[in-house]
Amino acid sequence: MVHLLRQNSLLGLALVLSVWSTPGQAHTIKTTGTIAVTFHLEPDHHPRAGESAQVWFILTQKGGTVIPLDQCDCKLQIYSEADPSPTPLFQPPLTAVSAEQYQDIPGTKIMFPQPGNYRLAFQGHPRSGNLFTPFQFNFPVTVAQGADPSSLPDSATFPSPPSFPSQTVQFLALAILVGTGLGIGILRYWQRLKR
């Protein structure tokens, strides 16, 4: 029986990993203390220099409760790995955005000035009380050659994100929910085995 449960757990873990690694749904997840942060950079974690890139973060507490931006004093700083200076290149203001099935999560638009390696430093602490422990995460980003920002007009507008048929969005949301449920079940099973 235990062998069968372990096989099913591994199958569930494989399903979770396949859902999170599908094209168009690239995510990076990091944890510390009681906080997990899911990071996403559109388009598909492959930004291009001089082009708008949407970045967002899903903050979750232990147990899966999502922390909205209005409960977190969050800050995002962008560093160039080519510049050893401890001063960030820029610090875009974070706003509450909606992405996938999440509402009011921290996000912003970024335009990287040139191709190369960058580091996004995302940190935060609760706006009041001790809702969660303060955190800081670093996310490496490689930016490809794109448009030359000096050739863009001052009033350059950014294109809207692509729209997907509602059936595709519904399928992806269902796949994420099923995968998340399986992942939570697997974690709880492993925790019981450790006891």
C-alpha atoms as a PDB file:
ATOM      1  CA  MET A   1       0.000   0.000   0.000  1.00  0.00           C
ATOM      2  CA  VAL A   2       2.794   2.434   0.924  1.00  0.00           C
ATOM      3  CA  HIS A   3       4.571   1.613  -2.364  1.00  0.00           C
ATOM      4  CA  LEU A   4       1.363   2.419  -4.292  1.00  0.00           C
ATOM      5  CA  LEU A   5       0.983   5.737  -2.434  1.00  0.00           C
ATOM      6  CA  ARG A   6       4.598   6.645  -3.188  1.00  0.00           C
ATOM      7  CA  GLN A   7       4.053   5.874  -6.888  1.00  0.00           C
ATOM      8  CA  ASN A   8       0.919   8.044  -6.928  1.00  0.00           C
ATOM      9  CA  SER A   9       2.787  10.811  -5.073  1.00  0.00           C
ATOM     10  CA  LEU A  10       5.556  10.775  -7.652  1.00  0.00           C
ATOM     11  CA  LEU A  11       2.981  10.802 -10.451  1.00  0.00           C
ATOM     12  CA  GLY A  12       1.259  13.784  -8.811  1.00  0.00           C
ATOM     13  CA  LEU A  13       4.597  15.579  -8.417  1.00  0.00           C
ATOM     14  CA  ALA A  14       5.376  14.961 -12.099  1.00  0.00           C
ATOM     15  CA  LEU A  15       1.960  16.400 -13.017  1.00  0.00           C
ATOM     16  CA  VAL A  16       2.568  19.489 -10.880  1.00  0.00           C
ATOM     17  CA  LEU A  17       5.976  20.033 -12.470  1.00  0.00           C
ATOM     18  CA  SER A  18       4.589  19.555 -15.977  1.00  0.00           C
ATOM     19  CA  VAL A  19       1.798  22.089 -15.325  1.00  0.00           C
ATOM     20  CA  TRP A  20       4.250  24.709 -14.034  1.00  0.00           C
ATOM     21  CA  SER A  21       6.705  24.143 -16.879  1.00  0.00           C
ATOM     22  CA  THR A  22       4.263  24.395 -19.767  1.00  0.00           C
ATOM     23  CA  PRO A  23       5.091  27.091 -22.334  1.00  0.00           C
ATOM     24  CA  GLY A  24       3.465  30.404 -21.474  1.00  0.00           C
ATOM     25  CA  GLN A  25       3.332  29.512 -17.795  1.00  0.00           C
ATOM     26  CA  ALA A  26       6.978  29.738 -16.723  1.00  0.00           C
ATOM     27  CA  HIS A  27       7.208  30.470 -13.008  1.00  0.00           C
ATOM     28  CA  THR A  28       9.980  30.587 -10.450  1.00  0.00           C
ATOM     29  CA  ILE A  29       9.037  29.708  -6.873  1.00  0.00           C
ATOM     30  CA  LYS A  30      11.192  30.484  -3.832  1.00  0.00           C
ATOM     31  CA  THR A  31      10.440  30.061  -0.129  1.00  0.00           C
ATOM     32  CA  THR A  32      11.753  31.292   3.184  1.00  0.00           C
ATOM     33  CA  GLY A  33      10.265  31.007   6.655  1.00  0.00           C
ATOM     34  CA  THR A  34       6.496  31.225   6.284  1.00  0.00           C
ATOM     35  CA  ILE A  35       6.487  32.903   2.842  1.00  0.00           C
ATOM     36  CA  ALA A  36       6.556  31.527  -0.699  1.00  0.00           C
ATOM     37  CA  VAL A  37       6.954  33.818  -3.701  1.00  0.00           C
ATOM     38  CA  THR A  38       6.005  32.846  -7.233  1.00  0.00           C
ATOM     39  CA  PHE A  39       7.748  35.058  -9.790  1.00  0.00           C
ATOM     40  CA  HIS A  40       6.719  35.510 -13.418  1.00  0.00           C
ATOM     41  CA  LEU A  41       8.137  37.737 -16.135  1.00  0.00           C
ATOM     42  CA  GLU A  42       6.254  38.094 -19.411  1.00  0.00           C
ATOM     43  CA  PRO A  43       6.865  37.106 -22.076  1.00  0.00           C
ATOM     44  CA  ASP A  44       7.744  33.627 -20.740  1.00  0.00           C
ATOM     45  CA  HIS A  45      10.780  34.812 -18.738  1.00  0.00           C
ATOM     46  CA  HIS A  46      12.484  35.883 -22.001  1.00  0.00           C
ATOM     47  CA  PRO A  47      12.453  39.712 -21.998  1.00  0.00           C
ATOM     48  CA  ARG A  48      14.048  41.733 -24.789  1.00  0.00           C
ATOM     49  CA  ALA A  49      15.978  44.973 -24.373  1.00  0.00           C
ATOM     50  CA  GLY A  50      13.946  48.101 -25.101  1.00  0.00           C
ATOM     51  CA  GLU A  51      10.625  46.239 -24.959  1.00  0.00           C
ATOM     52  CA  SER A  52       8.052  46.291 -22.180  1.00  0.00           C
ATOM     53  CA  ALA A  53       8.026  43.280 -19.878  1.00  0.00           C
ATOM     54  CA  GLN A  54       5.338  42.660 -17.256  1.00  0.00           C
ATOM     55  CA  VAL A  55       6.589  41.229 -13.955  1.00  0.00           C
ATOM     56  CA  TRP A  56       4.428  39.992 -11.092  1.00  0.00           C
ATOM     57  CA  PHE A  57       4.784  38.150  -7.803  1.00  0.00           C
ATOM     58  CA  ILE A  58       2.345  35.911  -5.933  1.00  0.00           C
ATOM     59  CA  LEU A  59       3.007  36.006  -2.191  1.00  0.00           C
ATOM     60  CA  THR A  60       1.600  33.118  -0.199  1.00  0.00           C
ATOM     61  CA  GLN A  61       1.730  32.290   3.483  1.00  0.00           C
ATOM     62  CA  LYS A  62       2.241  28.794   4.822  1.00  0.00           C
ATOM     63  CA  GLY A  63      -1.082  27.106   4.189  1.00  0.00           C
ATOM     64  CA  GLY A  64      -1.631  28.803   0.821  1.00  0.00           C
ATOM     65  CA  THR A  65      -3.221  32.147   1.792  1.00  0.00           C
ATOM     66  CA  VAL A  66      -2.371  34.775  -0.849  1.00  0.00           C
ATOM     67  CA  ILE A  67      -1.047  38.080   0.492  1.00  0.00           C
ATOM     68  CA  PRO A  68      -2.318  41.081  -1.549  1.00  0.00           C
ATOM     69  CA  LEU A  69      -0.100  44.088  -2.214  1.00  0.00           C
ATOM     70  CA  ASP A  70      -2.027  46.290   0.244  1.00  0.00           C
ATOM     71  CA  GLN A  71      -0.825  44.034   3.097  1.00  0.00           C
ATOM     72  CA  CYS A  72       2.837  44.079   2.019  1.00  0.00           C
ATOM     73  CA  ASP A  73       5.314  46.939   1.957  1.00  0.00           C
ATOM     74  CA  CYS A  74       7.052  45.462  -1.089  1.00  0.00           C
ATOM     75  CA  LYS A  75       9.947  46.871  -3.082  1.00  0.00           C
ATOM     76  CA  LEU A  76      11.536  45.781  -6.371  1.00  0.00           C
ATOM     77  CA  GLN A  77      15.040  46.832  -7.380  1.00  0.00           C
ATOM     78  CA  ILE A  78      16.737  46.040 -10.690  1.00  0.00           C
ATOM     79  CA  TYR A  79      20.511  45.519 -10.794  1.00  0.00           C
ATOM     80  CA  SER A  80      22.805  44.948 -13.761  1.00  0.00           C
ATOM     81  CA  GLU A  81      25.171  42.028 -13.198  1.00  0.00           C
ATOM     82  CA  ALA A  82      27.704  43.851 -15.427  1.00  0.00           C
ATOM     83  CA  ASP A  83      27.824  46.767 -12.959  1.00  0.00           C
ATOM     84  CA  PRO A  84      29.435  45.926  -9.586  1.00  0.00           C
ATOM     85  CA  SER A  85      27.856  49.033  -8.004  1.00  0.00           C
ATOM     86  CA  PRO A  86      25.552  48.320  -5.045  1.00  0.00           C
ATOM     87  CA  THR A  87      23.179  50.961  -6.406  1.00  0.00           C
ATOM     88  CA  PRO A  88      20.188  49.609  -8.362  1.00  0.00           C
ATOM     89  CA  LEU A  89      19.713  50.709 -11.977  1.00  0.00           C
ATOM     90  CA  PHE A  90      16.102  51.515 -11.180  1.00  0.00           C
ATOM     91  CA  GLN A  91      13.330  50.789  -8.710  1.00  0.00           C
ATOM     92  CA  PRO A  92       9.976  50.625 -10.511  1.00  0.00           C
ATOM     93  CA  PRO A  93       6.899  51.295  -8.377  1.00  0.00           C
ATOM     94  CA  LEU A  94       4.790  48.212  -7.701  1.00  0.00           C
ATOM     95  CA  THR A  95       1.047  48.308  -8.298  1.00  0.00           C
ATOM     96  CA  ALA A  96      -1.727  45.823  -7.610  1.00  0.00           C
ATOM     97  CA  VAL A  97      -2.246  43.716 -10.738  1.00  0.00           C
ATOM     98  CA  SER A  98      -4.380  40.730 -11.702  1.00  0.00           C
ATOM     99  CA  ALA A  99      -2.660  37.751 -13.298  1.00  0.00           C
ATOM    100  CA  GLU A 100      -3.993  34.293 -13.988  1.00  0.00           C
ATOM    101  CA  GLN A 101      -6.576  33.717 -11.221  1.00  0.00           C
ATOM    102  CA  TYR A 102      -4.891  36.073  -8.724  1.00  0.00           C
ATOM    103  CA  GLN A 103      -6.087  39.579  -7.839  1.00  0.00           C
ATOM    104  CA  ASP A 104      -4.230  42.539  -6.297  1.00  0.00           C
ATOM    105  CA  ILE A 105      -0.760  40.970  -6.410  1.00  0.00           C
ATOM    106  CA  PRO A 106       2.441  43.064  -6.705  1.00  0.00           C
ATOM    107  CA  GLY A 107       3.459  43.780 -10.283  1.00  0.00           C
ATOM    108  CA  THR A 108       4.934  46.350 -12.635  1.00  0.00           C
ATOM    109  CA  LYS A 109       6.200  46.883 -16.173  1.00  0.00           C
ATOM    110  CA  ILE A 110       9.941  46.954 -16.798  1.00  0.00           C
ATOM    111  CA  MET A 111      11.972  48.005 -19.816  1.00  0.00           C
ATOM    112  CA  PHE A 112      15.527  46.684 -19.647  1.00  0.00           C
ATOM    113  CA  PRO A 113      17.906  49.175 -21.314  1.00  0.00           C
ATOM    114  CA  GLN A 114      20.208  46.649 -23.011  1.00  0.00           C
ATOM    115  CA  PRO A 115      20.818  42.921 -23.408  1.00  0.00           C
ATOM    116  CA  GLY A 116      22.652  41.165 -20.595  1.00  0.00           C
ATOM    117  CA  ASN A 117      22.263  39.639 -17.163  1.00  0.00           C
ATOM    118  CA  TYR A 118      20.215  41.380 -14.509  1.00  0.00           C
ATOM    119  CA  ARG A 119      19.093  40.629 -10.965  1.00  0.00           C
ATOM    120  CA  LEU A 120      15.654  41.491  -9.623  1.00  0.00           C
ATOM    121  CA  ALA A 121      15.730  41.989  -5.844  1.00  0.00           C
ATOM    122  CA  PHE A 122      12.214  41.641  -4.412  1.00  0.00           C
ATOM    123  CA  GLN A 123      11.718  42.330  -0.728  1.00  0.00           C
ATOM    124  CA  GLY A 124       8.936  43.123   1.671  1.00  0.00           C
ATOM    125  CA  HIS A 125       7.575  43.177   5.169  1.00  0.00           C
ATOM    126  CA  PRO A 126       4.023  43.354   6.555  1.00  0.00           C
ATOM    127  CA  ARG A 127       2.381  46.778   6.541  1.00  0.00           C
ATOM    128  CA  SER A 128       1.001  46.055  10.014  1.00  0.00           C
ATOM    129  CA  GLY A 129       1.475  43.449  12.701  1.00  0.00           C
ATOM    130  CA  ASN A 130       3.370  40.265  12.049  1.00  0.00           C
ATOM    131  CA  LEU A 131       1.252  38.766   9.266  1.00  0.00           C
ATOM    132  CA  PHE A 132       4.426  37.227   7.811  1.00  0.00           C
ATOM    133  CA  THR A 133       8.177  37.356   8.269  1.00  0.00           C
ATOM    134  CA  PRO A 134      10.099  39.937   6.219  1.00  0.00           C
ATOM    135  CA  PHE A 135      11.635  38.448   3.094  1.00  0.00           C
ATOM    136  CA  GLN A 136      14.099  39.164   0.311  1.00  0.00           C
ATOM    137  CA  PHE A 137      14.481  37.129  -2.867  1.00  0.00           C
ATOM    138  CA  ASN A 138      16.789  37.550  -5.849  1.00  0.00           C
ATOM    139  CA  PHE A 139      15.782  36.439  -9.330  1.00  0.00           C
ATOM    140  CA  PRO A 140      18.350  36.303 -12.154  1.00  0.00           C
ATOM    141  CA  VAL A 141      17.084  37.469 -15.548  1.00  0.00           C
ATOM    142  CA  THR A 142      18.803  37.249 -18.930  1.00  0.00           C
ATOM    143  CA  VAL A 143      17.670  39.919 -21.386  1.00  0.00           C
ATOM    144  CA  ALA A 144      17.976  39.271 -25.133  1.00  0.00           C
ATOM    145  CA  GLN A 145      18.674  41.782 -27.906  1.00  0.00           C
ATOM    146  CA  GLY A 146      15.564  43.780 -28.776  1.00  0.00           C
ATOM    147  CA  ALA A 147      14.584  47.274 -29.823  1.00  0.00           C
ATOM    148  CA  ASP A 148      17.056  50.089 -29.171  1.00  0.00           C
ATOM    149  CA  PRO A 149      15.411  52.204 -26.420  1.00  0.00           C
ATOM    150  CA  SER A 150      16.997  55.403 -27.787  1.00  0.00           C
ATOM    151  CA  SER A 151      15.094  54.870 -31.048  1.00  0.00           C
ATOM    152  CA  LEU A 152      11.726  54.719 -29.283  1.00  0.00           C
ATOM    153  CA  PRO A 153       9.649  57.919 -29.123  1.00  0.00           C
ATOM    154  CA  ASP A 154       9.212  59.510 -25.703  1.00  0.00           C
ATOM    155  CA  SER A 155       5.515  58.688 -25.812  1.00  0.00           C
ATOM    156  CA  ALA A 156       6.046  55.030 -26.741  1.00  0.00           C
ATOM    157  CA  THR A 157       3.108  52.924 -25.664  1.00  0.00           C
ATOM    158  CA  PHE A 158       3.379  49.329 -24.691  1.00  0.00           C
ATOM    159  CA  PRO A 159       1.310  46.684 -26.453  1.00  0.00           C
ATOM    160  CA  SER A 160      -1.426  44.912 -24.566  1.00  0.00           C
ATOM    161  CA  PRO A 161      -0.648  41.386 -23.478  1.00  0.00           C
ATOM    162  CA  PRO A 162      -1.888  38.735 -25.906  1.00  0.00           C
ATOM    163  CA  SER A 163      -5.389  37.455 -25.343  1.00  0.00           C
ATOM    164  CA  PHE A 164      -6.117  33.765 -25.183  1.00  0.00           C
ATOM    165  CA  PRO A 165      -9.417  32.005 -25.854  1.00  0.00           C
ATOM    166  CA  SER A 166     -11.368  31.641 -22.625  1.00  0.00           C
ATOM    167  CA  GLN A 167     -11.351  27.836 -22.960  1.00  0.00           C
ATOM    168  CA  THR A 168      -7.530  27.832 -22.897  1.00  0.00           C
ATOM    169  CA  VAL A 169      -7.466  30.059 -19.830  1.00  0.00           C
ATOM    170  CA  GLN A 170     -10.077  27.886 -18.104  1.00  0.00           C
ATOM    171  CA  PHE A 171      -8.106  24.716 -18.900  1.00  0.00           C
ATOM    172  CA  LEU A 172      -4.871  26.228 -17.595  1.00  0.00           C
ATOM    173  CA  ALA A 173      -6.583  27.460 -14.424  1.00  0.00           C
ATOM    174  CA  LEU A 174      -8.075  24.001 -13.858  1.00  0.00           C
ATOM    175  CA  ALA A 175      -4.698  22.334 -14.510  1.00  0.00           C
ATOM    176  CA  ILE A 176      -3.018  24.685 -12.028  1.00  0.00           C
ATOM    177  CA  LEU A 177      -5.685  24.037  -9.387  1.00  0.00           C
ATOM    178  CA  VAL A 178      -5.464  20.252  -9.846  1.00  0.00           C
ATOM    179  CA  GLY A 179      -1.669  20.384  -9.830  1.00  0.00           C
ATOM    180  CA  THR A 180      -1.626  22.572  -6.723  1.00  0.00           C
ATOM    181  CA  GLY A 181      -4.049  20.238  -4.957  1.00  0.00           C
ATOM    182  CA  LEU A 182      -1.920  17.228  -5.825  1.00  0.00           C
ATOM    183  CA  GLY A 183       1.211  19.043  -4.703  1.00  0.00           C
ATOM    184  CA  ILE A 184      -0.352  19.933  -1.349  1.00  0.00           C
ATOM    185  CA  GLY A 185      -1.519  16.336  -0.937  1.00  0.00           C
ATOM    186  CA  ILE A 186       1.971  15.057  -1.677  1.00  0.00           C
ATOM    187  CA  LEU A 187       3.552  17.454   0.817  1.00  0.00           C
ATOM    188  CA  ARG A 188       1.083  16.462   3.532  1.00  0.00           C
ATOM    189  CA  TYR A 189       1.702  12.773   2.815  1.00  0.00           C
ATOM    190  CA  TRP A 190       5.486  13.264   3.112  1.00  0.00           C
ATOM    191  CA  GLN A 191       5.034  15.230   6.315  1.00  0.00           C
ATOM    192  CA  ARG A 192       3.011  12.341   7.791  1.00  0.00           C
ATOM    193  CA  LEU A 193       5.729   9.872   6.818  1.00  0.00           C
ATOM    194  CA  LYS A 194       8.326  11.967   8.655  1.00  0.00           C
ATOM    195  CA  ARG A 195       6.327  11.938  11.896  1.00  0.00           C
END
